[in-house]
Amino acid sequence: QVQFVESGGGLVQPGGSLRLSCATSRRIFSANVMGWYRQAPGKQRELVASIGSNEHTNYADSVKGRFTISRDNAENTVYLPMNNLKPEDTAVYYCYIYLTGTNYWGRGTQVTVSS
């Protein structure tokens, strides 16, 4: 069973910033792709950003230039600073790791962008 420790999220005004973080076990962390998906009410879950063990990153078009994913192998943690947040970024953000052909999910954290 994969375990995650997620933090960050909350309520912020449009144009504001938040940072998500997600840690998992060292043995898993160093060998796989990790990142975040998000799901807004009434919508399908969508990829936000991912980063591989080779530091290759992938972003949804809607967040490019505003979100920057990074990983700290020493801390077994992935970070997602989110800048210039917009109301349409409001969603539950799920940390995930791709492991042996399957995505494993964290419990999710709520991000709400509202004035």
PDB file of N, CA and C in Angstrom:
ATOM      1  N   GLN A   1       0.844  -1.186   0.000  1.00  0.00           N
ATOM      2  CA  GLN A   1       0.000   0.000   0.000  1.00  0.00           C
ATOM      3  C   GLN A   1       0.885   1.244   0.000  1.00  0.00           C
ATOM      4  N   VAL A   2       0.555   2.189  -0.856  1.00  0.00           N
ATOM      5  CA  VAL A   2       1.314   3.429  -0.944  1.00  0.00           C
ATOM      6  C   VAL A   2       0.703   4.451  -0.006  1.00  0.00           C
ATOM      7  N   GLN A   3       1.543   5.106   0.758  1.00  0.00           N
ATOM      8  CA  GLN A   3       1.061   6.145   1.669  1.00  0.00           C
ATOM      9  C   GLN A   3       1.607   7.505   1.263  1.00  0.00           C
ATOM     10  N   PHE A   4       0.761   8.521   1.404  1.00  0.00           N
ATOM     11  CA  PHE A   4       1.113   9.884   1.053  1.00  0.00           C
ATOM     12  C   PHE A   4       0.930  10.785   2.264  1.00  0.00           C
ATOM     13  N   VAL A   5       1.723  11.850   2.305  1.00  0.00           N
ATOM     14  CA  VAL A   5       1.495  12.940   3.251  1.00  0.00           C
ATOM     15  C   VAL A   5       1.340  14.200   2.421  1.00  0.00           C
ATOM     16  N   GLU A   6       0.126  14.701   2.331  1.00  0.00           N
ATOM     17  CA  GLU A   6      -0.178  15.871   1.510  1.00  0.00           C
ATOM     18  C   GLU A   6      -0.376  17.093   2.400  1.00  0.00           C
ATOM     19  N   SER A   7       0.037  18.246   1.915  1.00  0.00           N
ATOM     20  CA  SER A   7      -0.200  19.487   2.640  1.00  0.00           C
ATOM     21  C   SER A   7      -0.339  20.635   1.652  1.00  0.00           C
ATOM     22  N   GLY A   8      -0.806  21.737   2.153  1.00  0.00           N
ATOM     23  CA  GLY A   8      -1.058  22.910   1.321  1.00  0.00           C
ATOM     24  C   GLY A   8      -2.534  23.017   1.013  1.00  0.00           C
ATOM     25  N   GLY A   9      -2.871  23.857   0.057  1.00  0.00           N
ATOM     26  CA  GLY A   9      -4.265  24.060  -0.271  1.00  0.00           C
ATOM     27  C   GLY A   9      -4.899  25.098   0.632  1.00  0.00           C
ATOM     28  N   GLY A  10      -6.183  25.356   0.383  1.00  0.00           N
ATOM     29  CA  GLY A  10      -6.910  26.326   1.189  1.00  0.00           C
ATOM     30  C   GLY A  10      -7.681  27.301   0.329  1.00  0.00           C
ATOM     31  N   LEU A  11      -8.014  28.432   0.937  1.00  0.00           N
ATOM     32  CA  LEU A  11      -8.795  29.471   0.269  1.00  0.00           C
ATOM     33  C   LEU A  11      -7.891  30.655  -0.049  1.00  0.00           C
ATOM     34  N   VAL A  12      -7.961  31.145  -1.266  1.00  0.00           N
ATOM     35  CA  VAL A  12      -7.133  32.268  -1.678  1.00  0.00           C
ATOM     36  C   VAL A  12      -7.924  33.134  -2.652  1.00  0.00           C
ATOM     37  N   GLN A  13      -7.602  34.412  -2.692  1.00  0.00           N
ATOM     38  CA  GLN A  13      -8.257  35.311  -3.629  1.00  0.00           C
ATOM     39  C   GLN A  13      -7.657  35.159  -5.027  1.00  0.00           C
ATOM     40  N   PRO A  14      -8.402  35.508  -6.065  1.00  0.00           N
ATOM     41  CA  PRO A  14      -7.839  35.479  -7.421  1.00  0.00           C
ATOM     42  C   PRO A  14      -6.553  36.294  -7.497  1.00  0.00           C
ATOM     43  N   GLY A  15      -5.574  35.731  -8.182  1.00  0.00           N
ATOM     44  CA  GLY A  15      -4.264  36.360  -8.273  1.00  0.00           C
ATOM     45  C   GLY A  15      -3.308  35.953  -7.177  1.00  0.00           C
ATOM     46  N   GLY A  16      -3.808  35.239  -6.187  1.00  0.00           N
ATOM     47  CA  GLY A  16      -2.975  34.813  -5.074  1.00  0.00           C
ATOM     48  C   GLY A  16      -2.195  33.548  -5.374  1.00  0.00           C
ATOM     49  N   SER A  17      -1.490  33.076  -4.338  1.00  0.00           N
ATOM     50  CA  SER A  17      -0.615  31.910  -4.490  1.00  0.00           C
ATOM     51  C   SER A  17      -0.842  30.907  -3.366  1.00  0.00           C
ATOM     52  N   LEU A  18      -0.604  29.662  -3.683  1.00  0.00           N
ATOM     53  CA  LEU A  18      -0.590  28.568  -2.712  1.00  0.00           C
ATOM     54  C   LEU A  18       0.510  27.603  -3.129  1.00  0.00           C
ATOM     55  N   ARG A  19       0.913  26.738  -2.199  1.00  0.00           N
ATOM     56  CA  ARG A  19       1.879  25.695  -2.526  1.00  0.00           C
ATOM     57  C   ARG A  19       1.399  24.371  -1.977  1.00  0.00           C
ATOM     58  N   LEU A  20       1.332  23.386  -2.856  1.00  0.00           N
ATOM     59  CA  LEU A  20       1.016  22.019  -2.453  1.00  0.00           C
ATOM     60  C   LEU A  20       2.316  21.243  -2.290  1.00  0.00           C
ATOM     61  N   SER A  21       2.314  20.295  -1.356  1.00  0.00           N
ATOM     62  CA  SER A  21       3.435  19.378  -1.222  1.00  0.00           C
ATOM     63  C   SER A  21       2.901  17.972  -0.978  1.00  0.00           C
ATOM     64  N   CYS A  22       3.702  16.992  -1.369  1.00  0.00           N
ATOM     65  CA  CYS A  22       3.290  15.598  -1.253  1.00  0.00           C
ATOM     66  C   CYS A  22       4.531  14.743  -1.049  1.00  0.00           C
ATOM     67  N   ALA A  23       4.541  13.972   0.024  1.00  0.00           N
ATOM     68  CA  ALA A  23       5.658  13.085   0.324  1.00  0.00           C
ATOM     69  C   ALA A  23       5.192  11.644   0.329  1.00  0.00           C
ATOM     70  N   THR A  24       6.097  10.752  -0.039  1.00  0.00           N
ATOM     71  CA  THR A  24       5.801   9.328   0.041  1.00  0.00           C
ATOM     72  C   THR A  24       7.082   8.589   0.439  1.00  0.00           C
ATOM     73  N   SER A  25       7.034   7.275   0.457  1.00  0.00           N
ATOM     74  CA  SER A  25       8.176   6.507   0.943  1.00  0.00           C
ATOM     75  C   SER A  25       9.350   6.634  -0.017  1.00  0.00           C
ATOM     76  N   ARG A  26      10.534   6.582   0.496  1.00  0.00           N
ATOM     77  CA  ARG A  26      11.733   6.809  -0.299  1.00  0.00           C
ATOM     78  C   ARG A  26      11.883   5.776  -1.403  1.00  0.00           C
ATOM     79  N   ARG A  27      11.634   4.548  -1.083  1.00  0.00           N
ATOM     80  CA  ARG A  27      11.841   3.495  -2.068  1.00  0.00           C
ATOM     81  C   ARG A  27      10.984   3.701  -3.299  1.00  0.00           C
ATOM     82  N   ILE A  28       9.783   4.187  -3.101  1.00  0.00           N
ATOM     83  CA  ILE A  28       8.883   4.419  -4.229  1.00  0.00           C
ATOM     84  C   ILE A  28       9.225   5.726  -4.914  1.00  0.00           C
ATOM     85  N   PHE A  29       9.466   6.755  -4.119  1.00  0.00           N
ATOM     86  CA  PHE A  29       9.620   8.102  -4.639  1.00  0.00           C
ATOM     87  C   PHE A  29      10.697   8.193  -5.701  1.00  0.00           C
ATOM     88  N   SER A  30      11.803   7.554  -5.503  1.00  0.00           N
ATOM     89  CA  SER A  30      12.946   7.778  -6.386  1.00  0.00           C
ATOM     90  C   SER A  30      12.815   7.114  -7.743  1.00  0.00           C
ATOM     91  N   ALA A  31      11.823   6.289  -7.933  1.00  0.00           N
ATOM     92  CA  ALA A  31      11.764   5.482  -9.141  1.00  0.00           C
ATOM     93  C   ALA A  31      10.582   5.766 -10.051  1.00  0.00           C
ATOM     94  N   ASN A  32       9.753   6.723  -9.717  1.00  0.00           N
ATOM     95  CA  ASN A  32       8.505   6.845 -10.457  1.00  0.00           C
ATOM     96  C   ASN A  32       8.087   8.280 -10.726  1.00  0.00           C
ATOM     97  N   VAL A  33       7.069   8.391 -11.546  1.00  0.00           N
ATOM     98  CA  VAL A  33       6.452   9.671 -11.850  1.00  0.00           C
ATOM     99  C   VAL A  33       5.479  10.020 -10.729  1.00  0.00           C
ATOM    100  N   MET A  34       5.539  11.283 -10.302  1.00  0.00           N
ATOM    101  CA  MET A  34       4.589  11.780  -9.318  1.00  0.00           C
ATOM    102  C   MET A  34       4.026  13.096  -9.803  1.00  0.00           C
ATOM    103  N   GLY A  35       2.934  13.487  -9.208  1.00  0.00           N
ATOM    104  CA  GLY A  35       2.357  14.778  -9.571  1.00  0.00           C
ATOM    105  C   GLY A  35       0.982  14.952  -8.966  1.00  0.00           C
ATOM    106  N   TRP A  36       0.183  15.797  -9.631  1.00  0.00           N
ATOM    107  CA  TRP A  36      -1.166  16.077  -9.166  1.00  0.00           C
ATOM    108  C   TRP A  36      -2.168  16.036 -10.318  1.00  0.00           C
ATOM    109  N   TYR A  37      -3.327  15.510  -9.998  1.00  0.00           N
ATOM    110  CA  TYR A  37      -4.517  15.675 -10.794  1.00  0.00           C
ATOM    111  C   TYR A  37      -5.456  16.580  -9.985  1.00  0.00           C
ATOM    112  N   ARG A  38      -6.473  17.093 -10.638  1.00  0.00           N
ATOM    113  CA  ARG A  38      -7.504  17.840  -9.919  1.00  0.00           C
ATOM    114  C   ARG A  38      -8.880  17.503 -10.479  1.00  0.00           C
ATOM    115  N   GLN A  39      -9.869  17.695  -9.623  1.00  0.00           N
ATOM    116  CA  GLN A  39     -11.240  17.432 -10.038  1.00  0.00           C
ATOM    117  C   GLN A  39     -12.146  18.506  -9.463  1.00  0.00           C
ATOM    118  N   ALA A  40     -12.792  19.229 -10.357  1.00  0.00           N
ATOM    119  CA  ALA A  40     -13.762  20.243  -9.971  1.00  0.00           C
ATOM    120  C   ALA A  40     -15.151  19.622  -9.965  1.00  0.00           C
ATOM    121  N   PRO A  41     -16.081  20.207  -9.239  1.00  0.00           N
ATOM    122  CA  PRO A  41     -17.440  19.652  -9.180  1.00  0.00           C
ATOM    123  C   PRO A  41     -18.047  19.513 -10.572  1.00  0.00           C
ATOM    124  N   GLY A  42     -18.565  18.313 -10.861  1.00  0.00           N
ATOM    125  CA  GLY A  42     -19.209  18.069 -12.140  1.00  0.00           C
ATOM    126  C   GLY A  42     -18.271  17.857 -13.309  1.00  0.00           C
ATOM    127  N   LYS A  43     -16.964  17.803 -13.038  1.00  0.00           N
ATOM    128  CA  LYS A  43     -15.994  17.637 -14.120  1.00  0.00           C
ATOM    129  C   LYS A  43     -15.151  16.397 -13.893  1.00  0.00           C
ATOM    130  N   GLN A  44     -14.511  15.949 -14.975  1.00  0.00           N
ATOM    131  CA  GLN A  44     -13.624  14.800 -14.868  1.00  0.00           C
ATOM    132  C   GLN A  44     -12.301  15.194 -14.236  1.00  0.00           C
ATOM    133  N   ARG A  45     -11.654  14.199 -13.642  1.00  0.00           N
ATOM    134  CA  ARG A  45     -10.334  14.434 -13.079  1.00  0.00           C
ATOM    135  C   ARG A  45      -9.351  14.696 -14.221  1.00  0.00           C
ATOM    136  N   GLU A  46      -8.505  15.704 -14.050  1.00  0.00           N
ATOM    137  CA  GLU A  46      -7.556  16.063 -15.099  1.00  0.00           C
ATOM    138  C   GLU A  46      -6.155  16.208 -14.527  1.00  0.00           C
ATOM    139  N   LEU A  47      -5.161  15.894 -15.365  1.00  0.00           N
ATOM    140  CA  LEU A  47      -3.776  16.056 -14.961  1.00  0.00           C
ATOM    141  C   LEU A  47      -3.449  17.541 -14.841  1.00  0.00           C
ATOM    142  N   VAL A  48      -2.804  17.904 -13.735  1.00  0.00           N
ATOM    143  CA  VAL A  48      -2.323  19.267 -13.537  1.00  0.00           C
ATOM    144  C   VAL A  48      -0.847  19.358 -13.894  1.00  0.00           C
ATOM    145  N   ALA A  49      -0.041  18.522 -13.259  1.00  0.00           N
ATOM    146  CA  ALA A  49       1.400  18.536 -13.492  1.00  0.00           C
ATOM    147  C   ALA A  49       1.998  17.232 -13.011  1.00  0.00           C
ATOM    148  N   SER A  50       3.087  16.824 -13.668  1.00  0.00           N
ATOM    149  CA  SER A  50       3.792  15.620 -13.253  1.00  0.00           C
ATOM    150  C   SER A  50       5.286  15.813 -13.438  1.00  0.00           C
ATOM    151  N   ILE A  51       6.067  15.014 -12.704  1.00  0.00           N
ATOM    152  CA  ILE A  51       7.517  15.060 -12.822  1.00  0.00           C
ATOM    153  C   ILE A  51       8.060  13.652 -12.671  1.00  0.00           C
ATOM    154  N   GLY A  52       8.978  13.288 -13.562  1.00  0.00           N
ATOM    155  CA  GLY A  52       9.568  11.960 -13.517  1.00  0.00           C
ATOM    156  C   GLY A  52      10.864  11.938 -12.734  1.00  0.00           C
ATOM    157  N   SER A  53      11.399  10.743 -12.566  1.00  0.00           N
ATOM    158  CA  SER A  53      12.668  10.599 -11.855  1.00  0.00           C
ATOM    159  C   SER A  53      13.801  11.271 -12.617  1.00  0.00           C
ATOM    160  N   ASN A  54      13.629  11.481 -13.925  1.00  0.00           N
ATOM    161  CA  ASN A  54      14.626  12.191 -14.735  1.00  0.00           C
ATOM    162  C   ASN A  54      14.359  13.687 -14.800  1.00  0.00           C
ATOM    163  N   GLU A  55      13.460  14.180 -13.968  1.00  0.00           N
ATOM    164  CA  GLU A  55      13.092  15.597 -13.864  1.00  0.00           C
ATOM    165  C   GLU A  55      12.259  16.086 -15.051  1.00  0.00           C
ATOM    166  N   HIS A  56      11.861  15.190 -15.919  1.00  0.00           N
ATOM    167  CA  HIS A  56      10.986  15.604 -17.026  1.00  0.00           C
ATOM    168  C   HIS A  56       9.635  16.013 -16.458  1.00  0.00           C
ATOM    169  N   THR A  57       9.142  17.180 -16.891  1.00  0.00           N
ATOM    170  CA  THR A  57       7.871  17.689 -16.380  1.00  0.00           C
ATOM    171  C   THR A  57       6.807  17.763 -17.479  1.00  0.00           C
ATOM    172  N   ASN A  58       5.573  17.727 -17.030  1.00  0.00           N
ATOM    173  CA  ASN A  58       4.434  17.810 -17.938  1.00  0.00           C
ATOM    174  C   ASN A  58       3.354  18.630 -17.242  1.00  0.00           C
ATOM    175  N   TYR A  59       2.720  19.558 -17.989  1.00  0.00           N
ATOM    176  CA  TYR A  59       1.720  20.437 -17.407  1.00  0.00           C
ATOM    177  C   TYR A  59       0.461  20.489 -18.275  1.00  0.00           C
ATOM    178  N   ALA A  60      -0.662  20.710 -17.620  1.00  0.00           N
ATOM    179  CA  ALA A  60      -1.871  21.051 -18.352  1.00  0.00           C
ATOM    180  C   ALA A  60      -1.667  22.434 -18.977  1.00  0.00           C
ATOM    181  N   ASP A  61      -2.216  22.637 -20.157  1.00  0.00           N
ATOM    182  CA  ASP A  61      -2.054  23.928 -20.829  1.00  0.00           C
ATOM    183  C   ASP A  61      -2.572  25.066 -19.964  1.00  0.00           C
ATOM    184  N   SER A  62      -3.608  24.805 -19.198  1.00  0.00           N
ATOM    185  CA  SER A  62      -4.255  25.866 -18.424  1.00  0.00           C
ATOM    186  C   SER A  62      -3.402  26.371 -17.269  1.00  0.00           C
ATOM    187  N   VAL A  63      -2.355  25.627 -16.893  1.00  0.00           N
ATOM    188  CA  VAL A  63      -1.531  26.048 -15.746  1.00  0.00           C
ATOM    189  C   VAL A  63      -0.108  26.413 -16.144  1.00  0.00           C
ATOM    190  N   LYS A  64       0.242  26.216 -17.402  1.00  0.00           N
ATOM    191  CA  LYS A  64       1.600  26.533 -17.839  1.00  0.00           C
ATOM    192  C   LYS A  64       1.916  28.006 -17.586  1.00  0.00           C
ATOM    193  N   GLY A  65       3.106  28.240 -17.054  1.00  0.00           N
ATOM    194  CA  GLY A  65       3.527  29.597 -16.734  1.00  0.00           C
ATOM    195  C   GLY A  65       3.059  30.075 -15.375  1.00  0.00           C
ATOM    196  N   ARG A  66       2.163  29.343 -14.725  1.00  0.00           N
ATOM    197  CA  ARG A  66       1.670  29.747 -13.396  1.00  0.00           C
ATOM    198  C   ARG A  66       2.049  28.730 -12.326  1.00  0.00           C
ATOM    199  N   PHE A  67       2.084  27.464 -12.671  1.00  0.00           N
ATOM    200  CA  PHE A  67       2.436  26.387 -11.731  1.00  0.00           C
ATOM    201  C   PHE A  67       3.794  25.825 -12.127  1.00  0.00           C
ATOM    202  N   THR A  68       4.604  25.446 -11.122  1.00  0.00           N
ATOM    203  CA  THR A  68       5.916  24.864 -11.390  1.00  0.00           C
ATOM    204  C   THR A  68       6.141  23.686 -10.464  1.00  0.00           C
ATOM    205  N   ILE A  69       6.187  22.498 -11.016  1.00  0.00           N
ATOM    206  CA  ILE A  69       6.378  21.298 -10.194  1.00  0.00           C
ATOM    207  C   ILE A  69       7.869  21.031 -10.016  1.00  0.00           C
ATOM    208  N   SER A  70       8.228  20.547  -8.832  1.00  0.00           N
ATOM    209  CA  SER A  70       9.619  20.187  -8.564  1.00  0.00           C
ATOM    210  C   SER A  70       9.637  19.035  -7.564  1.00  0.00           C
ATOM    211  N   ARG A  71      10.787  18.371  -7.470  1.00  0.00           N
ATOM    212  CA  ARG A  71      10.909  17.275  -6.515  1.00  0.00           C
ATOM    213  C   ARG A  71      12.193  17.422  -5.739  1.00  0.00           C
ATOM    214  N   ASP A  72      12.147  17.018  -4.487  1.00  0.00           N
ATOM    215  CA  ASP A  72      13.306  17.039  -3.591  1.00  0.00           C
ATOM    216  C   ASP A  72      13.529  15.599  -3.157  1.00  0.00           C
ATOM    217  N   ASN A  73      14.495  14.954  -3.777  1.00  0.00           N
ATOM    218  CA  ASN A  73      14.728  13.541  -3.476  1.00  0.00           C
ATOM    219  C   ASN A  73      15.202  13.337  -2.043  1.00  0.00           C
ATOM    220  N   ALA A  74      15.919  14.301  -1.491  1.00  0.00           N
ATOM    221  CA  ALA A  74      16.406  14.164  -0.117  1.00  0.00           C
ATOM    222  C   ALA A  74      15.247  14.171   0.881  1.00  0.00           C
ATOM    223  N   GLU A  75      14.185  14.905   0.530  1.00  0.00           N
ATOM    224  CA  GLU A  75      13.020  14.993   1.412  1.00  0.00           C
ATOM    225  C   GLU A  75      11.879  14.092   0.956  1.00  0.00           C
ATOM    226  N   ASN A  76      12.091  13.376  -0.147  1.00  0.00           N
ATOM    227  CA  ASN A  76      11.049  12.487  -0.687  1.00  0.00           C
ATOM    228  C   ASN A  76       9.747  13.228  -0.936  1.00  0.00           C
ATOM    229  N   THR A  77       9.870  14.446  -1.422  1.00  0.00           N
ATOM    230  CA  THR A  77       8.694  15.311  -1.533  1.00  0.00           C
ATOM    231  C   THR A  77       8.625  15.957  -2.903  1.00  0.00           C
ATOM    232  N   VAL A  78       7.410  16.123  -3.383  1.00  0.00           N
ATOM    233  CA  VAL A  78       7.135  16.862  -4.610  1.00  0.00           C
ATOM    234  C   VAL A  78       6.385  18.126  -4.226  1.00  0.00           C
ATOM    235  N   TYR A  79       6.730  19.236  -4.879  1.00  0.00           N
ATOM    236  CA  TYR A  79       6.129  20.523  -4.575  1.00  0.00           C
ATOM    237  C   TYR A  79       5.434  21.098  -5.802  1.00  0.00           C
ATOM    238  N   LEU A  80       4.371  21.847  -5.545  1.00  0.00           N
ATOM    239  CA  LEU A  80       3.667  22.533  -6.628  1.00  0.00           C
ATOM    240  C   LEU A  80       3.286  23.935  -6.182  1.00  0.00           C
ATOM    241  N   PRO A  81       4.199  24.905  -6.355  1.00  0.00           N
ATOM    242  CA  PRO A  81       3.802  26.295  -6.133  1.00  0.00           C
ATOM    243  C   PRO A  81       2.826  26.716  -7.228  1.00  0.00           C
ATOM    244  N   MET A  82       1.738  27.353  -6.820  1.00  0.00           N
ATOM    245  CA  MET A  82       0.705  27.774  -7.760  1.00  0.00           C
ATOM    246  C   MET A  82       0.545  29.281  -7.630  1.00  0.00           C
ATOM    247  N   ASN A  83       0.837  29.994  -8.701  1.00  0.00           N
ATOM    248  CA  ASN A  83       0.779  31.452  -8.700  1.00  0.00           C
ATOM    249  C   ASN A  83      -0.329  31.952  -9.621  1.00  0.00           C
ATOM    250  N   ASN A  84      -0.704  33.209  -9.395  1.00  0.00           N
ATOM    251  CA  ASN A  84      -1.751  33.839 -10.210  1.00  0.00           C
ATOM    252  C   ASN A  84      -2.973  32.929 -10.321  1.00  0.00           C
ATOM    253  N   LEU A  85      -3.440  32.458  -9.195  1.00  0.00           N
ATOM    254  CA  LEU A  85      -4.558  31.521  -9.188  1.00  0.00           C
ATOM    255  C   LEU A  85      -5.831  32.181  -9.687  1.00  0.00           C
ATOM    256  N   LYS A  86      -6.636  31.378 -10.364  1.00  0.00           N
ATOM    257  CA  LYS A  86      -7.873  31.839 -10.963  1.00  0.00           C
ATOM    258  C   LYS A  86      -9.048  31.046 -10.395  1.00  0.00           C
ATOM    259  N   PRO A  87     -10.244  31.603 -10.444  1.00  0.00           N
ATOM    260  CA  PRO A  87     -11.409  30.852  -9.935  1.00  0.00           C
ATOM    261  C   PRO A  87     -11.558  29.473 -10.578  1.00  0.00           C
ATOM    262  N   GLU A  88     -11.162  29.343 -11.832  1.00  0.00           N
ATOM    263  CA  GLU A  88     -11.280  28.055 -12.502  1.00  0.00           C
ATOM    264  C   GLU A  88     -10.260  27.026 -12.024  1.00  0.00           C
ATOM    265  N   ASP A  89      -9.332  27.446 -11.166  1.00  0.00           N
ATOM    266  CA  ASP A  89      -8.401  26.488 -10.548  1.00  0.00           C
ATOM    267  C   ASP A  89      -9.029  25.809  -9.335  1.00  0.00           C
ATOM    268  N   THR A  90     -10.197  26.254  -8.927  1.00  0.00           N
ATOM    269  CA  THR A  90     -10.877  25.668  -7.776  1.00  0.00           C
ATOM    270  C   THR A  90     -11.187  24.201  -8.039  1.00  0.00           C
ATOM    271  N   ALA A  91     -10.715  23.340  -7.154  1.00  0.00           N
ATOM    272  CA  ALA A  91     -10.890  21.893  -7.326  1.00  0.00           C
ATOM    273  C   ALA A  91     -10.289  21.181  -6.119  1.00  0.00           C
ATOM    274  N   VAL A  92     -10.521  19.880  -6.060  1.00  0.00           N
ATOM    275  CA  VAL A  92      -9.769  19.030  -5.142  1.00  0.00           C
ATOM    276  C   VAL A  92      -8.541  18.539  -5.907  1.00  0.00           C
ATOM    277  N   TYR A  93      -7.387  18.733  -5.320  1.00  0.00           N
ATOM    278  CA  TYR A  93      -6.121  18.349  -5.936  1.00  0.00           C
ATOM    279  C   TYR A  93      -5.635  17.048  -5.308  1.00  0.00           C
ATOM    280  N   TYR A  94      -5.376  16.068  -6.166  1.00  0.00           N
ATOM    281  CA  TYR A  94      -4.972  14.730  -5.719  1.00  0.00           C
ATOM    282  C   TYR A  94      -3.521  14.468  -6.109  1.00  0.00           C
ATOM    283  N   CYS A  95      -2.689  14.212  -5.111  1.00  0.00           N
ATOM    284  CA  CYS A  95      -1.333  13.754  -5.379  1.00  0.00           C
ATOM    285  C   CYS A  95      -1.397  12.320  -5.884  1.00  0.00           C
ATOM    286  N   TYR A  96      -0.501  11.971  -6.794  1.00  0.00           N
ATOM    287  CA  TYR A  96      -0.487  10.596  -7.288  1.00  0.00           C
ATOM    288  C   TYR A  96       0.946  10.160  -7.568  1.00  0.00           C
ATOM    289  N   ILE A  97       1.106   8.836  -7.622  1.00  0.00           N
ATOM    290  CA  ILE A  97       2.357   8.242  -8.071  1.00  0.00           C
ATOM    291  C   ILE A  97       2.014   7.124  -9.036  1.00  0.00           C
ATOM    292  N   TYR A  98       2.772   7.058 -10.120  1.00  0.00           N
ATOM    293  CA  TYR A  98       2.595   5.999 -11.110  1.00  0.00           C
ATOM    294  C   TYR A  98       3.561   4.880 -10.763  1.00  0.00           C
ATOM    295  N   LEU A  99       3.021   3.721 -10.437  1.00  0.00           N
ATOM    296  CA  LEU A  99       3.820   2.616  -9.922  1.00  0.00           C
ATOM    297  C   LEU A  99       3.333   1.312 -10.522  1.00  0.00           C
ATOM    298  N   THR A 100       4.218   0.621 -11.211  1.00  0.00           N
ATOM    299  CA  THR A 100       3.938  -0.692 -11.825  1.00  0.00           C
ATOM    300  C   THR A 100       2.630  -0.686 -12.593  1.00  0.00           C
ATOM    301  N   GLY A 101       2.474   0.325 -13.446  1.00  0.00           N
ATOM    302  CA  GLY A 101       1.330   0.366 -14.337  1.00  0.00           C
ATOM    303  C   GLY A 101       0.052   0.920 -13.752  1.00  0.00           C
ATOM    304  N   THR A 102       0.101   1.415 -12.531  1.00  0.00           N
ATOM    305  CA  THR A 102      -1.112   1.899 -11.865  1.00  0.00           C
ATOM    306  C   THR A 102      -0.842   3.244 -11.212  1.00  0.00           C
ATOM    307  N   ASN A 103      -1.844   4.120 -11.240  1.00  0.00           N
ATOM    308  CA  ASN A 103      -1.784   5.358 -10.464  1.00  0.00           C
ATOM    309  C   ASN A 103      -2.324   5.105  -9.066  1.00  0.00           C
ATOM    310  N   TYR A 104      -1.571   5.525  -8.075  1.00  0.00           N
ATOM    311  CA  TYR A 104      -2.032   5.489  -6.687  1.00  0.00           C
ATOM    312  C   TYR A 104      -2.285   6.923  -6.250  1.00  0.00           C
ATOM    313  N   TRP A 105      -3.356   7.123  -5.491  1.00  0.00           N
ATOM    314  CA  TRP A 105      -3.845   8.467  -5.186  1.00  0.00           C
ATOM    315  C   TRP A 105      -3.788   8.808  -3.719  1.00  0.00           C
ATOM    316  N   GLY A 106      -3.450  10.075  -3.432  1.00  0.00           N
ATOM    317  CA  GLY A 106      -3.629  10.591  -2.098  1.00  0.00           C
ATOM    318  C   GLY A 106      -5.096  10.907  -1.849  1.00  0.00           C
ATOM    319  N   ARG A 107      -5.378  11.406  -0.653  1.00  0.00           N
ATOM    320  CA  ARG A 107      -6.772  11.672  -0.278  1.00  0.00           C
ATOM    321  C   ARG A 107      -7.305  12.955  -0.897  1.00  0.00           C
ATOM    322  N   GLY A 108      -6.413  13.820  -1.320  1.00  0.00           N
ATOM    323  CA  GLY A 108      -6.838  15.065  -1.942  1.00  0.00           C
ATOM    324  C   GLY A 108      -6.861  16.228  -0.973  1.00  0.00           C
ATOM    325  N   THR A 109      -6.672  17.414  -1.530  1.00  0.00           N
ATOM    326  CA  THR A 109      -6.730  18.635  -0.741  1.00  0.00           C
ATOM    327  C   THR A 109      -7.501  19.688  -1.535  1.00  0.00           C
ATOM    328  N   GLN A 110      -8.339  20.440  -0.839  1.00  0.00           N
ATOM    329  CA  GLN A 110      -9.203  21.411  -1.503  1.00  0.00           C
ATOM    330  C   GLN A 110      -8.442  22.717  -1.750  1.00  0.00           C
ATOM    331  N   VAL A 111      -8.546  23.202  -2.978  1.00  0.00           N
ATOM    332  CA  VAL A 111      -8.062  24.530  -3.340  1.00  0.00           C
ATOM    333  C   VAL A 111      -9.266  25.336  -3.816  1.00  0.00           C
ATOM    334  N   THR A 112      -9.509  26.463  -3.159  1.00  0.00           N
ATOM    335  CA  THR A 112     -10.633  27.324  -3.528  1.00  0.00           C
ATOM    336  C   THR A 112     -10.110  28.722  -3.822  1.00  0.00           C
ATOM    337  N   VAL A 113     -10.422  29.205  -5.020  1.00  0.00           N
ATOM    338  CA  VAL A 113     -10.001  30.548  -5.434  1.00  0.00           C
ATOM    339  C   VAL A 113     -11.266  31.392  -5.575  1.00  0.00           C
ATOM    340  N   SER A 114     -11.411  32.335  -4.672  1.00  0.00           N
ATOM    341  CA  SER A 114     -12.635  33.114  -4.644  1.00  0.00           C
ATOM    342  C   SER A 114     -12.393  34.438  -3.930  1.00  0.00           C
ATOM    343  N   SER A 115     -13.089  35.460  -4.375  1.00  0.00           N
ATOM    344  CA  SER A 115     -13.014  36.753  -3.707  1.00  0.00           C
ATOM    345  C   SER A 115     -14.122  36.877  -2.659  1.00  0.00           C
TER     346      SER A 115
END
